[in-house]
Amino acid sequence: YFASRDADELGAAIDLLAAAPHFDDHEPFTAAALTVRR
């Protein structure tokens, strides 16, 4: 998804996602992904 962006932006996106690290916590896990896409 970050193919045309730099490594720092990818790292920052992972940091945002890491606030909801586990997939079995469905609601925040999905919300975090949508936040990164926005």
PDB file of all heavy atoms in Angstrom:
ATOM      1  N   TYR A   1       0.839  -1.209   0.000  1.00  0.00           N
ATOM      2  CA  TYR A   1       0.000   0.000   0.000  1.00  0.00           C
ATOM      3  C   TYR A   1       0.870   1.254   0.000  1.00  0.00           C
ATOM      4  O   TYR A   1       0.522   2.277  -0.596  1.00  0.00           O
ATOM      5  CB  TYR A   1      -0.900  -0.033   1.233  1.00  0.00           C
ATOM      6  CG  TYR A   1      -1.883   1.110   1.368  1.00  0.00           C
ATOM      7  CD1 TYR A   1      -3.156   1.034   0.812  1.00  0.00           C
ATOM      8  CD2 TYR A   1      -1.552   2.265   2.083  1.00  0.00           C
ATOM      9  CE1 TYR A   1      -4.065   2.070   0.947  1.00  0.00           C
ATOM     10  CE2 TYR A   1      -2.458   3.310   2.227  1.00  0.00           C
ATOM     11  CZ  TYR A   1      -3.713   3.210   1.661  1.00  0.00           C
ATOM     12  OH  TYR A   1      -4.607   4.241   1.799  1.00  0.00           O
ATOM     13  N   PHE A   2       2.033   1.178   0.661  1.00  0.00           N
ATOM     14  CA  PHE A   2       2.954   2.311   0.765  1.00  0.00           C
ATOM     15  C   PHE A   2       4.048   2.254  -0.304  1.00  0.00           C
ATOM     16  O   PHE A   2       5.111   2.852  -0.134  1.00  0.00           O
ATOM     17  CB  PHE A   2       3.582   2.348   2.161  1.00  0.00           C
ATOM     18  CG  PHE A   2       2.701   2.985   3.199  1.00  0.00           C
ATOM     19  CD1 PHE A   2       1.625   2.296   3.725  1.00  0.00           C
ATOM     20  CD2 PHE A   2       2.933   4.284   3.637  1.00  0.00           C
ATOM     21  CE1 PHE A   2       0.788   2.876   4.672  1.00  0.00           C
ATOM     22  CE2 PHE A   2       2.106   4.877   4.578  1.00  0.00           C
ATOM     23  CZ  PHE A   2       1.030   4.177   5.096  1.00  0.00           C
ATOM     24  N   ALA A   3       3.774   1.573  -1.433  1.00  0.00           N
ATOM     25  CA  ALA A   3       4.786   1.379  -2.473  1.00  0.00           C
ATOM     26  C   ALA A   3       5.366   2.688  -2.987  1.00  0.00           C
ATOM     27  O   ALA A   3       6.539   2.752  -3.358  1.00  0.00           O
ATOM     28  CB  ALA A   3       4.194   0.585  -3.638  1.00  0.00           C
ATOM     29  N   SER A   4       4.553   3.746  -3.031  1.00  0.00           N
ATOM     30  CA  SER A   4       5.023   5.028  -3.566  1.00  0.00           C
ATOM     31  C   SER A   4       5.366   6.039  -2.480  1.00  0.00           C
ATOM     32  O   SER A   4       5.560   7.228  -2.763  1.00  0.00           O
ATOM     33  CB  SER A   4       3.960   5.617  -4.510  1.00  0.00           C
ATOM     34  OG  SER A   4       3.754   4.769  -5.621  1.00  0.00           O
ATOM     35  N   ARG A   5       5.419   5.587  -1.239  1.00  0.00           N
ATOM     36  CA  ARG A   5       5.801   6.459  -0.128  1.00  0.00           C
ATOM     37  C   ARG A   5       7.137   5.982   0.431  1.00  0.00           C
ATOM     38  O   ARG A   5       7.682   4.956   0.011  1.00  0.00           O
ATOM     39  CB  ARG A   5       4.725   6.455   0.959  1.00  0.00           C
ATOM     40  CG  ARG A   5       3.382   7.049   0.502  1.00  0.00           C
ATOM     41  CD  ARG A   5       2.377   7.014   1.640  1.00  0.00           C
ATOM     42  NE  ARG A   5       1.072   7.507   1.267  1.00  0.00           N
ATOM     43  CZ  ARG A   5       0.670   8.759   1.384  1.00  0.00           C
ATOM     44  NH1 ARG A   5       1.505   9.679   1.865  1.00  0.00           N
ATOM     45  NH2 ARG A   5      -0.554   9.112   1.047  1.00  0.00           N
ATOM     46  N   ASP A   6       7.674   6.723   1.399  1.00  0.00           N
ATOM     47  CA  ASP A   6       8.987   6.347   1.923  1.00  0.00           C
ATOM     48  C   ASP A   6       8.857   5.485   3.176  1.00  0.00           C
ATOM     49  O   ASP A   6       7.775   5.305   3.737  1.00  0.00           O
ATOM     50  CB  ASP A   6       9.854   7.585   2.181  1.00  0.00           C
ATOM     51  CG  ASP A   6       9.257   8.536   3.211  1.00  0.00           C
ATOM     52  OD1 ASP A   6       8.627   8.070   4.184  1.00  0.00           O
ATOM     53  OD2 ASP A   6       9.424   9.769   3.043  1.00  0.00           O
ATOM     54  N   ALA A   7      10.002   4.952   3.597  1.00  0.00           N
ATOM     55  CA  ALA A   7      10.032   4.025   4.726  1.00  0.00           C
ATOM     56  C   ALA A   7       9.592   4.693   6.025  1.00  0.00           C
ATOM     57  O   ALA A   7       8.994   4.031   6.890  1.00  0.00           O
ATOM     58  CB  ALA A   7      11.436   3.441   4.877  1.00  0.00           C
ATOM     59  N   ASP A   8       9.865   5.988   6.175  1.00  0.00           N
ATOM     60  CA  ASP A   8       9.460   6.680   7.402  1.00  0.00           C
ATOM     61  C   ASP A   8       7.936   6.743   7.526  1.00  0.00           C
ATOM     62  O   ASP A   8       7.383   6.579   8.618  1.00  0.00           O
ATOM     63  CB  ASP A   8      10.040   8.095   7.424  1.00  0.00           C
ATOM     64  CG  ASP A   8      11.547   8.102   7.666  1.00  0.00           C
ATOM     65  OD1 ASP A   8      12.069   7.075   8.143  1.00  0.00           O
ATOM     66  OD2 ASP A   8      12.192   9.119   7.348  1.00  0.00           O
ATOM     67  N   GLU A   9       7.260   6.988   6.409  1.00  0.00           N
ATOM     68  CA  GLU A   9       5.802   7.026   6.442  1.00  0.00           C
ATOM     69  C   GLU A   9       5.230   5.652   6.764  1.00  0.00           C
ATOM     70  O   GLU A   9       4.256   5.530   7.509  1.00  0.00           O
ATOM     71  CB  GLU A   9       5.261   7.536   5.104  1.00  0.00           C
ATOM     72  CG  GLU A   9       5.511   9.025   4.882  1.00  0.00           C
ATOM     73  CD  GLU A   9       5.014   9.485   3.526  1.00  0.00           C
ATOM     74  OE1 GLU A   9       5.576   9.026   2.512  1.00  0.00           O
ATOM     75  OE2 GLU A   9       4.064  10.296   3.487  1.00  0.00           O
ATOM     76  N   LEU A  10       5.825   4.610   6.198  1.00  0.00           N
ATOM     77  CA  LEU A  10       5.390   3.252   6.535  1.00  0.00           C
ATOM     78  C   LEU A  10       5.576   3.000   8.027  1.00  0.00           C
ATOM     79  O   LEU A  10       4.681   2.452   8.691  1.00  0.00           O
ATOM     80  CB  LEU A  10       6.170   2.228   5.722  1.00  0.00           C
ATOM     81  CG  LEU A  10       5.914   0.752   6.074  1.00  0.00           C
ATOM     82  CD1 LEU A  10       4.440   0.376   5.877  1.00  0.00           C
ATOM     83  CD2 LEU A  10       6.818  -0.161   5.241  1.00  0.00           C
ATOM     84  N   GLY A  11       6.720   3.393   8.567  1.00  0.00           N
ATOM     85  CA  GLY A  11       6.961   3.202   9.996  1.00  0.00           C
ATOM     86  C   GLY A  11       5.958   3.943  10.857  1.00  0.00           C
ATOM     87  O   GLY A  11       5.479   3.421  11.874  1.00  0.00           O
ATOM     88  N   ALA A  12       5.613   5.165  10.448  1.00  0.00           N
ATOM     89  CA  ALA A  12       4.632   5.942  11.203  1.00  0.00           C
ATOM     90  C   ALA A  12       3.253   5.280  11.154  1.00  0.00           C
ATOM     91  O   ALA A  12       2.515   5.279  12.147  1.00  0.00           O
ATOM     92  CB  ALA A  12       4.555   7.365  10.639  1.00  0.00           C
ATOM     93  N   ALA A  13       2.905   4.700  10.011  1.00  0.00           N
ATOM     94  CA  ALA A  13       1.619   4.001   9.891  1.00  0.00           C
ATOM     95  C   ALA A  13       1.583   2.775  10.792  1.00  0.00           C
ATOM     96  O   ALA A  13       0.571   2.495  11.448  1.00  0.00           O
ATOM     97  CB  ALA A  13       1.378   3.607   8.438  1.00  0.00           C
ATOM     98  N   ILE A  14       2.686   2.044  10.848  1.00  0.00           N
ATOM     99  CA  ILE A  14       2.744   0.874  11.732  1.00  0.00           C
ATOM    100  C   ILE A  14       2.606   1.297  13.183  1.00  0.00           C
ATOM    101  O   ILE A  14       1.939   0.627  13.985  1.00  0.00           O
ATOM    102  CB  ILE A  14       4.040   0.082  11.494  1.00  0.00           C
ATOM    103  CG1 ILE A  14       4.054  -0.510  10.080  1.00  0.00           C
ATOM    104  CG2 ILE A  14       4.184  -1.042  12.533  1.00  0.00           C
ATOM    105  CD1 ILE A  14       5.345  -1.196   9.698  1.00  0.00           C
ATOM    106  N   ASP A  15       3.209   2.422  13.538  1.00  0.00           N
ATOM    107  CA  ASP A  15       3.063   2.925  14.908  1.00  0.00           C
ATOM    108  C   ASP A  15       1.596   3.225  15.227  1.00  0.00           C
ATOM    109  O   ASP A  15       1.127   2.955  16.346  1.00  0.00           O
ATOM    110  CB  ASP A  15       3.909   4.186  15.098  1.00  0.00           C
ATOM    111  CG  ASP A  15       5.407   3.902  15.087  1.00  0.00           C
ATOM    112  OD1 ASP A  15       5.786   2.729  15.268  1.00  0.00           O
ATOM    113  OD2 ASP A  15       6.186   4.852  14.861  1.00  0.00           O
ATOM    114  N   LEU A  16       0.864   3.788  14.277  1.00  0.00           N
ATOM    115  CA  LEU A  16      -0.567   4.035  14.487  1.00  0.00           C
ATOM    116  C   LEU A  16      -1.328   2.723  14.670  1.00  0.00           C
ATOM    117  O   LEU A  16      -2.180   2.596  15.558  1.00  0.00           O
ATOM    118  CB  LEU A  16      -1.148   4.799  13.296  1.00  0.00           C
ATOM    119  CG  LEU A  16      -0.848   6.292  13.178  1.00  0.00           C
ATOM    120  CD1 LEU A  16      -1.396   6.839  11.860  1.00  0.00           C
ATOM    121  CD2 LEU A  16      -1.447   7.058  14.354  1.00  0.00           C
ATOM    122  N   LEU A  17      -1.006   1.749  13.842  1.00  0.00           N
ATOM    123  CA  LEU A  17      -1.690   0.457  13.923  1.00  0.00           C
ATOM    124  C   LEU A  17      -1.362  -0.279  15.219  1.00  0.00           C
ATOM    125  O   LEU A  17      -2.198  -1.022  15.752  1.00  0.00           O
ATOM    126  CB  LEU A  17      -1.294  -0.416  12.732  1.00  0.00           C
ATOM    127  CG  LEU A  17      -1.796   0.037  11.360  1.00  0.00           C
ATOM    128  CD1 LEU A  17      -1.118  -0.773  10.254  1.00  0.00           C
ATOM    129  CD2 LEU A  17      -3.305  -0.107  11.261  1.00  0.00           C
ATOM    130  N   ALA A  18      -0.156  -0.073  15.730  1.00  0.00           N
ATOM    131  CA  ALA A  18       0.285  -0.795  16.931  1.00  0.00           C
ATOM    132  C   ALA A  18      -0.542  -0.445  18.161  1.00  0.00           C
ATOM    133  O   ALA A  18      -0.501  -1.164  19.169  1.00  0.00           O
ATOM    134  CB  ALA A  18       1.759  -0.508  17.200  1.00  0.00           C
ATOM    135  N   ALA A  19      -1.340   0.624  18.088  1.00  0.00           N
ATOM    136  CA  ALA A  19      -2.242   0.940  19.205  1.00  0.00           C
ATOM    137  C   ALA A  19      -3.356  -0.098  19.324  1.00  0.00           C
ATOM    138  O   ALA A  19      -3.994  -0.198  20.378  1.00  0.00           O
ATOM    139  CB  ALA A  19      -2.843   2.334  18.999  1.00  0.00           C
ATOM    140  N   ALA A  20      -3.605  -0.854  18.254  1.00  0.00           N
ATOM    141  CA  ALA A  20      -4.584  -1.955  18.268  1.00  0.00           C
ATOM    142  C   ALA A  20      -3.880  -3.181  17.713  1.00  0.00           C
ATOM    143  O   ALA A  20      -4.085  -3.566  16.559  1.00  0.00           O
ATOM    144  CB  ALA A  20      -5.810  -1.606  17.437  1.00  0.00           C
ATOM    145  N   PRO A  21      -3.029  -3.826  18.519  1.00  0.00           N
ATOM    146  CA  PRO A  21      -2.097  -4.822  17.967  1.00  0.00           C
ATOM    147  C   PRO A  21      -2.705  -6.178  17.624  1.00  0.00           C
ATOM    148  O   PRO A  21      -2.176  -6.889  16.771  1.00  0.00           O
ATOM    149  CB  PRO A  21      -1.057  -4.968  19.078  1.00  0.00           C
ATOM    150  CG  PRO A  21      -1.799  -4.617  20.336  1.00  0.00           C
ATOM    151  CD  PRO A  21      -2.777  -3.561  19.942  1.00  0.00           C
ATOM    152  N   HIS A  22      -3.799  -6.564  18.293  1.00  0.00           N
ATOM    153  CA  HIS A  22      -4.266  -7.952  18.202  1.00  0.00           C
ATOM    154  C   HIS A  22      -5.568  -8.066  17.422  1.00  0.00           C
ATOM    155  O   HIS A  22      -6.553  -7.372  17.712  1.00  0.00           O
ATOM    156  CB  HIS A  22      -4.431  -8.536  19.595  1.00  0.00           C
ATOM    157  CG  HIS A  22      -3.173  -8.502  20.415  1.00  0.00           C
ATOM    158  ND1 HIS A  22      -2.040  -9.205  20.060  1.00  0.00           N
ATOM    159  CD2 HIS A  22      -2.849  -7.814  21.551  1.00  0.00           C
ATOM    160  CE1 HIS A  22      -1.073  -8.971  20.949  1.00  0.00           C
ATOM    161  NE2 HIS A  22      -1.542  -8.127  21.861  1.00  0.00           N
ATOM    162  N   PHE A  23      -5.608  -8.986  16.469  1.00  0.00           N
ATOM    163  CA  PHE A  23      -6.755  -9.085  15.576  1.00  0.00           C
ATOM    164  C   PHE A  23      -8.023  -9.549  16.266  1.00  0.00           C
ATOM    165  O   PHE A  23      -9.126  -9.295  15.775  1.00  0.00           O
ATOM    166  CB  PHE A  23      -6.441 -10.018  14.397  1.00  0.00           C
ATOM    167  CG  PHE A  23      -6.478 -11.483  14.722  1.00  0.00           C
ATOM    168  CD1 PHE A  23      -7.684 -12.182  14.711  1.00  0.00           C
ATOM    169  CD2 PHE A  23      -5.315 -12.193  15.020  1.00  0.00           C
ATOM    170  CE1 PHE A  23      -7.731 -13.537  14.999  1.00  0.00           C
ATOM    171  CE2 PHE A  23      -5.353 -13.539  15.309  1.00  0.00           C
ATOM    172  CZ  PHE A  23      -6.574 -14.214  15.298  1.00  0.00           C
ATOM    173  N   ASP A  24      -7.897 -10.238  17.405  1.00  0.00           N
ATOM    174  CA  ASP A  24      -9.107 -10.731  18.070  1.00  0.00           C
ATOM    175  C   ASP A  24      -9.858  -9.617  18.812  1.00  0.00           C
ATOM    176  O   ASP A  24     -10.968  -9.832  19.297  1.00  0.00           O
ATOM    177  CB  ASP A  24      -8.797 -11.893  19.015  1.00  0.00           C
ATOM    178  CG  ASP A  24      -7.688 -11.600  20.007  1.00  0.00           C
ATOM    179  OD1 ASP A  24      -7.165 -10.463  19.994  1.00  0.00           O
ATOM    180  OD2 ASP A  24      -7.351 -12.494  20.793  1.00  0.00           O
ATOM    181  N   ASP A  25      -9.294  -8.427  18.860  1.00  0.00           N
ATOM    182  CA  ASP A  25      -9.988  -7.254  19.394  1.00  0.00           C
ATOM    183  C   ASP A  25     -10.580  -6.510  18.193  1.00  0.00           C
ATOM    184  O   ASP A  25     -10.077  -5.481  17.756  1.00  0.00           O
ATOM    185  CB  ASP A  25      -9.001  -6.388  20.171  1.00  0.00           C
ATOM    186  CG  ASP A  25      -9.691  -5.471  21.170  1.00  0.00           C
ATOM    187  OD1 ASP A  25     -10.939  -5.503  21.248  1.00  0.00           O
ATOM    188  OD2 ASP A  25      -8.980  -4.717  21.862  1.00  0.00           O
ATOM    189  N   HIS A  26     -11.660  -7.057  17.645  1.00  0.00           N
ATOM    190  CA  HIS A  26     -12.131  -6.720  16.300  1.00  0.00           C
ATOM    191  C   HIS A  26     -12.394  -5.235  16.063  1.00  0.00           C
ATOM    192  O   HIS A  26     -12.001  -4.690  15.029  1.00  0.00           O
ATOM    193  CB  HIS A  26     -13.408  -7.509  15.991  1.00  0.00           C
ATOM    194  CG  HIS A  26     -13.201  -8.982  15.937  1.00  0.00           C
ATOM    195  ND1 HIS A  26     -14.219  -9.891  16.145  1.00  0.00           N
ATOM    196  CD2 HIS A  26     -12.097  -9.721  15.709  1.00  0.00           C
ATOM    197  CE1 HIS A  26     -13.760 -11.116  16.033  1.00  0.00           C
ATOM    198  NE2 HIS A  26     -12.469 -11.051  15.770  1.00  0.00           N
ATOM    199  N   GLU A  27     -13.078  -4.602  16.989  1.00  0.00           N
ATOM    200  CA  GLU A  27     -13.527  -3.229  16.751  1.00  0.00           C
ATOM    201  C   GLU A  27     -12.361  -2.259  16.621  1.00  0.00           C
ATOM    202  O   GLU A  27     -12.237  -1.567  15.598  1.00  0.00           O
ATOM    203  CB  GLU A  27     -14.475  -2.799  17.875  1.00  0.00           C
ATOM    204  CG  GLU A  27     -15.491  -1.752  17.479  1.00  0.00           C
ATOM    205  CD  GLU A  27     -16.698  -2.366  16.763  1.00  0.00           C
ATOM    206  OE1 GLU A  27     -16.940  -3.571  16.923  1.00  0.00           O
ATOM    207  OE2 GLU A  27     -17.372  -1.616  16.035  1.00  0.00           O
ATOM    208  N   PRO A  28     -11.470  -2.156  17.619  1.00  0.00           N
ATOM    209  CA  PRO A  28     -10.353  -1.220  17.474  1.00  0.00           C
ATOM    210  C   PRO A  28      -9.375  -1.636  16.382  1.00  0.00           C
ATOM    211  O   PRO A  28      -8.751  -0.779  15.753  1.00  0.00           O
ATOM    212  CB  PRO A  28      -9.685  -1.226  18.858  1.00  0.00           C
ATOM    213  CG  PRO A  28     -10.156  -2.466  19.519  1.00  0.00           C
ATOM    214  CD  PRO A  28     -11.502  -2.760  18.974  1.00  0.00           C
ATOM    215  N   PHE A  29      -9.228  -2.925  16.146  1.00  0.00           N
ATOM    216  CA  PHE A  29      -8.330  -3.410  15.096  1.00  0.00           C
ATOM    217  C   PHE A  29      -8.770  -2.870  13.733  1.00  0.00           C
ATOM    218  O   PHE A  29      -7.974  -2.330  12.961  1.00  0.00           O
ATOM    219  CB  PHE A  29      -8.330  -4.935  15.096  1.00  0.00           C
ATOM    220  CG  PHE A  29      -7.291  -5.567  14.206  1.00  0.00           C
ATOM    221  CD1 PHE A  29      -6.031  -5.877  14.692  1.00  0.00           C
ATOM    222  CD2 PHE A  29      -7.577  -5.873  12.882  1.00  0.00           C
ATOM    223  CE1 PHE A  29      -5.067  -6.472  13.875  1.00  0.00           C
ATOM    224  CE2 PHE A  29      -6.629  -6.458  12.054  1.00  0.00           C
ATOM    225  CZ  PHE A  29      -5.371  -6.756  12.555  1.00  0.00           C
ATOM    226  N   THR A  30     -10.062  -2.998  13.451  1.00  0.00           N
ATOM    227  CA  THR A  30     -10.593  -2.518  12.175  1.00  0.00           C
ATOM    228  C   THR A  30     -10.568  -0.999  12.113  1.00  0.00           C
ATOM    229  O   THR A  30     -10.218  -0.407  11.078  1.00  0.00           O
ATOM    230  CB  THR A  30     -12.021  -3.047  11.973  1.00  0.00           C
ATOM    231  OG1 THR A  30     -12.006  -4.475  12.040  1.00  0.00           O
ATOM    232  CG2 THR A  30     -12.595  -2.602  10.633  1.00  0.00           C
ATOM    233  N   ALA A  31     -10.939  -0.343  13.204  1.00  0.00           N
ATOM    234  CA  ALA A  31     -10.947   1.119  13.231  1.00  0.00           C
ATOM    235  C   ALA A  31      -9.554   1.681  12.964  1.00  0.00           C
ATOM    236  O   ALA A  31      -9.402   2.688  12.251  1.00  0.00           O
ATOM    237  CB  ALA A  31     -11.479   1.615  14.571  1.00  0.00           C
ATOM    238  N   ALA A  32      -8.527   1.041  13.519  1.00  0.00           N
ATOM    239  CA  ALA A  32      -7.159   1.524  13.315  1.00  0.00           C
ATOM    240  C   ALA A  32      -6.753   1.424  11.845  1.00  0.00           C
ATOM    241  O   ALA A  32      -6.105   2.326  11.301  1.00  0.00           O
ATOM    242  CB  ALA A  32      -6.186   0.739  14.190  1.00  0.00           C
ATOM    243  N   ALA A  33      -7.142   0.338  11.190  1.00  0.00           N
ATOM    244  CA  ALA A  33      -6.817   0.186   9.764  1.00  0.00           C
ATOM    245  C   ALA A  33      -7.485   1.274   8.938  1.00  0.00           C
ATOM    246  O   ALA A  33      -6.858   1.870   8.044  1.00  0.00           O
ATOM    247  CB  ALA A  33      -7.252  -1.196   9.277  1.00  0.00           C
ATOM    248  N   LEU A  34      -8.743   1.555   9.231  1.00  0.00           N
ATOM    249  CA  LEU A  34      -9.453   2.591   8.484  1.00  0.00           C
ATOM    250  C   LEU A  34      -8.856   3.980   8.752  1.00  0.00           C
ATOM    251  O   LEU A  34      -8.815   4.828   7.857  1.00  0.00           O
ATOM    252  CB  LEU A  34     -10.935   2.556   8.838  1.00  0.00           C
ATOM    253  CG  LEU A  34     -11.677   1.303   8.351  1.00  0.00           C
ATOM    254  CD1 LEU A  34     -13.091   1.256   8.936  1.00  0.00           C
ATOM    255  CD2 LEU A  34     -11.727   1.244   6.831  1.00  0.00           C
ATOM    256  N   THR A  35      -8.381   4.196   9.972  1.00  0.00           N
ATOM    257  CA  THR A  35      -7.726   5.466  10.298  1.00  0.00           C
ATOM    258  C   THR A  35      -6.459   5.655   9.475  1.00  0.00           C
ATOM    259  O   THR A  35      -6.196   6.747   8.947  1.00  0.00           O
ATOM    260  CB  THR A  35      -7.395   5.532  11.795  1.00  0.00           C
ATOM    261  OG1 THR A  35      -8.606   5.510  12.549  1.00  0.00           O
ATOM    262  CG2 THR A  35      -6.602   6.791  12.130  1.00  0.00           C
ATOM    263  N   VAL A  36      -5.660   4.599   9.342  1.00  0.00           N
ATOM    264  CA  VAL A  36      -4.439   4.685   8.544  1.00  0.00           C
ATOM    265  C   VAL A  36      -4.778   4.953   7.080  1.00  0.00           C
ATOM    266  O   VAL A  36      -4.121   5.761   6.414  1.00  0.00           O
ATOM    267  CB  VAL A  36      -3.602   3.398   8.694  1.00  0.00           C
ATOM    268  CG1 VAL A  36      -2.507   3.318   7.636  1.00  0.00           C
ATOM    269  CG2 VAL A  36      -2.979   3.340  10.081  1.00  0.00           C
ATOM    270  N   ARG A  37      -5.827   4.312   6.562  1.00  0.00           N
ATOM    271  CA  ARG A  37      -6.215   4.565   5.174  1.00  0.00           C
ATOM    272  C   ARG A  37      -6.649   6.023   4.977  1.00  0.00           C
ATOM    273  O   ARG A  37      -6.354   6.614   3.940  1.00  0.00           O
ATOM    274  CB  ARG A  37      -7.338   3.616   4.757  1.00  0.00           C
ATOM    275  CG  ARG A  37      -6.911   2.160   4.575  1.00  0.00           C
ATOM    276  CD  ARG A  37      -8.060   1.321   4.036  1.00  0.00           C
ATOM    277  NE  ARG A  37      -8.458   1.793   2.720  1.00  0.00           N
ATOM    278  CZ  ARG A  37      -7.952   1.350   1.568  1.00  0.00           C
ATOM    279  NH1 ARG A  37      -7.034   0.390   1.568  1.00  0.00           N
ATOM    280  NH2 ARG A  37      -8.366   1.838   0.411  1.00  0.00           N
ATOM    281  N   ARG A  38      -7.332   6.593   5.952  1.00  0.00           N
ATOM    282  CA  ARG A  38      -7.735   8.006   5.846  1.00  0.00           C
ATOM    283  C   ARG A  38      -6.531   8.941   5.981  1.00  0.00           C
ATOM    284  O   ARG A  38      -6.463   9.985   5.333  1.00  0.00           O
ATOM    285  CB  ARG A  38      -8.774   8.344   6.911  1.00  0.00           C
ATOM    286  CG  ARG A  38     -10.155   7.756   6.659  1.00  0.00           C
ATOM    287  CD  ARG A  38     -11.185   8.372   7.582  1.00  0.00           C
ATOM    288  NE  ARG A  38     -10.888   8.118   8.984  1.00  0.00           N
ATOM    289  CZ  ARG A  38     -11.340   7.075   9.669  1.00  0.00           C
ATOM    290  NH1 ARG A  38     -12.124   6.174   9.069  1.00  0.00           N
ATOM    291  NH2 ARG A  38     -11.043   6.918  10.946  1.00  0.00           N
TER     292      ARG A  38
END
